[in-house]
Structure formats: C-alpha cells, structure tokens
Amino acid sequence: MDDMLPHFDLTSWYINQRRVLELVGHDAVAGGFTLAKIQPTENLKVIAINSAFQDALTRWLDEREPKTLGQLVILDDIAPGRIFTCYTNWFFKGLSEVSKAIERGATLVPPAIAYAKLDDFRQGWKIECRFQHEHFTARSSWNELRGQKRLIVVGLITDVKDTTIEAVPYVIANPAPSWDKPQSAIGKFWINRLECFVDQIETFQAVRGNEARMTKNDLKRLEGVSEHEVKRAFAEIIGEPTVPKDWGGERSDLFTTRLVIDGQRISAAFAFKGPAQFKPMTMKELGKNGDQIDRLFSEPADILLLQHCHEITGPVRGAMRAYAQQMGNPRIFCLIDGYDTIRILQAYGKCGFG
C-alpha cells in the first residue's frame, strides 16, 4: 500500500480559530493570511483563512495522532485537558433559539448544543459540546449542524459530571477522501466508518453470492471446531505459510501481507476467538479495558480482523471502530462473526464444511 497517499481530509462546518491556533501555532496558518490579502472579495478572504486553519489542523492530527473519545473511555483515561476526536452520530439542538436571538438583536446569544451517546463504551453516558455560531464556516453550517448527523468533532474535554463528558469543540467536520490527491486504500472506507466486510475482501471472494439464510442452530456446527483449526484454515485460504503457535503474549494470532483488497496486497492482523467461549462476544471476552483489541491495533497492519465462532455484539464493533478511527493512524477493521465464518469455510471447503 502507498503510505504517501493521504488517508483523510476534512470538510469543516465549524472552526474555532483561537482554539485551533493553540494547537498548531501561528506559523502553521501564516500562509492563509498571506493568501487572503490577494483575494478580490471578503468572502474569498474568509475561505482562504478557514482553509489554512483546516489544513493546519489536518496536518496536526496526522502528526500527533490524538486518541479517539472511544479509546479514552475504554482505557478509563477521560479527564479535563484531553484532546480527542469523535466520529459518530451527533444530535444538535438550539440553533433555532440562536437564530431568534440574533433576529431580535439580543446582546447575549446562547450557544447551541451537540451531544452524542456513548452506550457502546459506557451504558447511559454521553458527551455534550456547546458551540457558538460565529465559528461557522459557511451559511450551510446552519443546516448541516441541525438534527442528527454523522460528523467528526475534534475537541477538548473540560469536565466529567456523573455520566456526562463536557467538551469544547475545536472543529466539526465530515472526514473525506483527499481532495487533491488519489485516495488511499484506507481512505476509501471512511464512507462506512472504516469497516470492511468479508465480501469486500478479494481473498475471500468465493463467499460472494452465498447469502443463504442462517439461524443460531447453524452456529452450533462451529462449537466442535477448535480455534487452531479455524486459524489454519484461514491461513491456507490466504496462502500464508507461517501459522504461529499460540502463546499468552501475542498481539495477534495470524499476521500476513497476502490479503488482497481492491487489487492491492495489504498487511493484515487477525485475532481468532474459538469455542471456549461459545456465546455472543462481549467486551468481557476481550480482557480488562478491551486490552486484546488494544494489542491487536498495536500491530503494524493496515487492516485488523476479529473472528469469533458466535455472534459479535455492538459494543465490540464500537470498540474496533474507535481504535480504527484514530486520526494520523487510521486503519480498516473487519468483524467475522460465526455466520461469516461458516460462509468462508463452506466456500473453500475447510474444517468439514462445504
């Protein structure tokens, strides 16, 4: 994979320039002010300056790799002063009151509020951000920051009260492929929050078209198949000759550079969870604070795959998503539950399936 291709860019609807400047420094945006001076209209001057702040923050994120809010919650590291990113479904309210206050010429205009639920990480928790309209980057921000939208927030935790994390948003944006360069293999997956499905992996292309309905009774066939057998079968399908023995300190169960996505070979690390825990996978099955996911993402791989012989619950997907979306080090992730495991084993005639 070409590591020189950018994995993300931003389309920003809200930029708090003072806050961003605290992160990136004056030199990082100086070119924007120089460019603004030669623009023929005030609108183009504003666009030039906003673009400079957005580009500077994108470079800062790429270099500093701040943790996602999900990672901070999983690792029990939420505290005032933490910079974070959070790409999720945000709920916005209060802009109607802001608009009414402006229309009547109020001296004090109230802030609007954005909040997101964090149930995947801690049941009943949420994050709440108050934001001011003067930091909008365009008229369309008034529409983009209403209702429920999937957006990324770069912000600073200011307080934690009971089950609410309070934060100041620096930037509210859409992550997007690079506008001026070809997108990377990883960048293509932002549209699905960096999740890849087995049908999208060319190495497993024989599963395509196999959409036979399955029930929980079908999963029982995996109860008698050991984790080692599944690992060996996957290695054979991939064409990976090295199948390491299991030991307690491994970061992954299988590492390969032979997986193919979109015609490109890509480095991949697998974690296999066998029938010793033959039940839906929850975060409890992944160690304290999800440390098995943490170890998996410490591998130098572009895609991280978690396989289980049964169902995989929402919080596990949320945790994988949180690690995958770390700006500066984004990765693709794939969950292979028992049903997709059966599809793969059937398609390639492995472990008695076929």
Foldseek 3Di string as FASTA:
>chain_A
DPPVFDQWAWDFFFAPQVVLCVQQPDVQQVVLQVVLVPDPDPLVNLVSSVVSSRVSVLVSLLPVLFAAPLLCLLVVNDDFFGKHKYFFKKAKDDLVQQVVCVVVPHPDRFWIKIKDDDCLRPNPAMEMETDDPVRGSDPCSSVQRHGIDGWMFTWGFHDQDDRYTYIYTRTITHIAADPPGDHDPQNVCVVVLQEDELCQWPLLVLLPPVPDDDDQVVLVVQLPPFQLQLQVVVCVSLVNPDQDDDDDPALARDWDQRTDGPRHGWTEGEHEDGNVPVDEDDCVVCDRSNVSLVSNLVDPTQEYEYEYSAHYDDSVVVSNSSSQPRNSRHHHYYYHYNVNSLSSCQSVVGPNHD
